[in-house]
PDB file of N, CA and C in Angstrom:
ATOM      1  N   ARG A   1       3.429  -2.675  20.765  1.00  0.00           N
ATOM      2  CA  ARG A   1       2.682  -3.583  19.887  1.00  0.00           C
ATOM      3  C   ARG A   1       1.697  -2.791  19.024  1.00  0.00           C
ATOM      4  N   ILE A   2       1.097  -1.769  19.598  1.00  0.00           N
ATOM      5  CA  ILE A   2       0.165  -0.938  18.827  1.00  0.00           C
ATOM      6  C   ILE A   2       0.914  -0.224  17.704  1.00  0.00           C
ATOM      7  N   ALA A   3       2.100   0.261  18.011  1.00  0.00           N
ATOM      8  CA  ALA A   3       2.888   0.969  16.998  1.00  0.00           C
ATOM      9  C   ALA A   3       3.211   0.019  15.845  1.00  0.00           C
ATOM     10  N   LEU A   4       3.511  -1.217  16.175  1.00  0.00           N
ATOM     11  CA  LEU A   4       3.847  -2.205  15.145  1.00  0.00           C
ATOM     12  C   LEU A   4       2.637  -2.466  14.254  1.00  0.00           C
ATOM     13  N   THR A   5       1.473  -2.590  14.877  1.00  0.00           N
ATOM     14  CA  THR A   5       0.246  -2.827  14.104  1.00  0.00           C
ATOM     15  C   THR A   5      -0.019  -1.662  13.174  1.00  0.00           C
ATOM     16  N   ARG A   6       0.169  -0.446  13.705  1.00  0.00           N
ATOM     17  CA  ARG A   6      -0.059   0.753  12.883  1.00  0.00           C
ATOM     18  C   ARG A   6       0.930   0.779  11.725  1.00  0.00           C
ATOM     19  N   TYR A   7       2.175   0.389  12.001  1.00  0.00           N
ATOM     20  CA  TYR A   7       3.201   0.373  10.954  1.00  0.00           C
ATOM     21  C   TYR A   7       2.822  -0.617   9.856  1.00  0.00           C
ATOM     22  N   LEU A   8       2.373  -1.795  10.252  1.00  0.00           N
ATOM     23  CA  LEU A   8       1.996  -2.814   9.270  1.00  0.00           C
ATOM     24  C   LEU A   8       0.807  -2.359   8.449  1.00  0.00           C
ATOM     25  N   SER A   9      -0.182  -1.755   9.100  1.00  0.00           N
ATOM     26  CA  SER A   9      -1.378  -1.301   8.376  1.00  0.00           C
ATOM     27  C   SER A   9      -1.006  -0.207   7.389  1.00  0.00           C
ATOM     28  N   THR A  10      -0.120   0.713   7.807  1.00  0.00           N
ATOM     29  CA  THR A  10       0.297   1.801   6.920  1.00  0.00           C
ATOM     30  C   THR A  10       1.073   1.236   5.738  1.00  0.00           C
ATOM     31  N   ARG A  11       1.932   0.275   6.020  1.00  0.00           N
ATOM     32  CA  ARG A  11       2.727  -0.341   4.959  1.00  0.00           C
ATOM     33  C   ARG A  11       1.814  -1.055   3.964  1.00  0.00           C
ATOM     34  N   ARG A  12       0.769  -1.705   4.488  1.00  0.00           N
ATOM     35  CA  ARG A  12      -0.161  -2.422   3.611  1.00  0.00           C
ATOM     36  C   ARG A  12      -0.891  -1.431   2.715  1.00  0.00           C
ATOM     37  N   GLU A  13      -1.342  -0.313   3.281  1.00  0.00           N
ATOM     38  CA  GLU A  13      -2.046   0.699   2.491  1.00  0.00           C
ATOM     39  C   GLU A  13      -1.125   1.262   1.416  1.00  0.00           C
ATOM     40  N   PHE A  14       0.139   1.505   1.787  1.00  0.00           N
ATOM     41  CA  PHE A  14       1.107   2.032   0.832  1.00  0.00           C
ATOM     42  C   PHE A  14       1.317   1.038  -0.306  1.00  0.00           C
ATOM     43  N   PHE A  15       1.433  -0.241   0.037  1.00  0.00           N
ATOM     44  CA  PHE A  15       1.645  -1.275  -0.972  1.00  0.00           C
ATOM     45  C   PHE A  15       0.447  -1.352  -1.912  1.00  0.00           C
ATOM     46  N   CYS A  16      -0.759  -1.267  -1.334  1.00  0.00           N
ATOM     47  CA  CYS A  16      -1.977  -1.335  -2.154  1.00  0.00           C
ATOM     48  C   CYS A  16      -2.037  -0.140  -3.095  1.00  0.00           C
ATOM     49  N   SER A  17      -1.703   1.036  -2.600  1.00  0.00           N
ATOM     50  CA  SER A  17      -1.748   2.236  -3.440  1.00  0.00           C
ATOM     51  C   SER A  17      -0.724   2.115  -4.566  1.00  0.00           C
ATOM     52  N   GLN A  18       0.448   1.574  -4.246  1.00  0.00           N
ATOM     53  CA  GLN A  18       1.486   1.394  -5.259  1.00  0.00           C
ATOM     54  C   GLN A  18       1.006   0.401  -6.319  1.00  0.00           C
ATOM     55  N   LYS A  19       0.344  -0.656  -5.865  1.00  0.00           N
ATOM     56  CA  LYS A  19      -0.149  -1.689  -6.774  1.00  0.00           C
ATOM     57  C   LYS A  19      -1.191  -1.098  -7.714  1.00  0.00           C
ATOM     58  N   VAL A  20      -2.067  -0.260  -7.186  1.00  0.00           N
ATOM     59  CA  VAL A  20      -3.109   0.378  -7.997  1.00  0.00           C
ATOM     60  C   VAL A  20      -2.464   1.316  -9.011  1.00  0.00           C
ATOM     61  N   THR A  21      -1.451   2.063  -8.577  1.00  0.00           N
ATOM     62  CA  THR A  21      -0.775   3.001  -9.473  1.00  0.00           C
ATOM     63  C   THR A  21      -0.128   2.249 -10.631  1.00  0.00           C
ATOM     64  N   VAL A  22       0.530   1.153 -10.336  1.00  0.00           N
ATOM     65  CA  VAL A  22       1.179   0.346 -11.376  1.00  0.00           C
ATOM     66  C   VAL A  22       0.131  -0.207 -12.333  1.00  0.00           C
ATOM     67  N   THR A  23      -1.001  -0.627 -11.782  1.00  0.00           N
ATOM     68  CA  THR A  23      -2.073  -1.183 -12.619  1.00  0.00           C
ATOM     69  C   THR A  23      -2.618  -0.115 -13.556  1.00  0.00           C
ATOM     70  N   LEU A  24      -2.819   1.092 -13.042  1.00  0.00           N
ATOM     71  CA  LEU A  24      -3.339   2.178 -13.869  1.00  0.00           C
ATOM     72  C   LEU A  24      -2.349   2.518 -14.977  1.00  0.00           C
ATOM     73  N   LYS A  25      -1.072   2.572 -14.645  1.00  0.00           N
ATOM     74  CA  LYS A  25      -0.043   2.885 -15.645  1.00  0.00           C
ATOM     75  C   LYS A  25      -0.003   1.798 -16.713  1.00  0.00           C
ATOM     76  N   SER A  26      -0.177   0.552 -16.296  1.00  0.00           N
ATOM     77  CA  SER A  26      -0.148  -0.556 -17.257  1.00  0.00           C
ATOM     78  C   SER A  26      -1.342  -0.462 -18.197  1.00  0.00           C
ATOM     79  N   ASN A  27      -2.502  -0.090 -17.655  1.00  0.00           N
ATOM     80  CA  ASN A  27      -3.707   0.022 -18.484  1.00  0.00           C
ATOM     81  C   ASN A  27      -3.556   1.162 -19.484  1.00  0.00           C
ATOM     82  N   VAL A  28      -2.931   2.242 -19.051  1.00  0.00           N
ATOM     83  CA  VAL A  28      -2.756   3.403 -19.935  1.00  0.00           C
ATOM     84  C   VAL A  28      -1.563   3.116 -20.849  1.00  0.00           C
TER      85      VAL A  28
END
């Protein structure tokens, strides 16, 4: 269960970073 939580948290961070990258590219 801990591994699953860690996986979800990592996936969320990755998604957020991707979202920020797309936003920056759109602004530029």
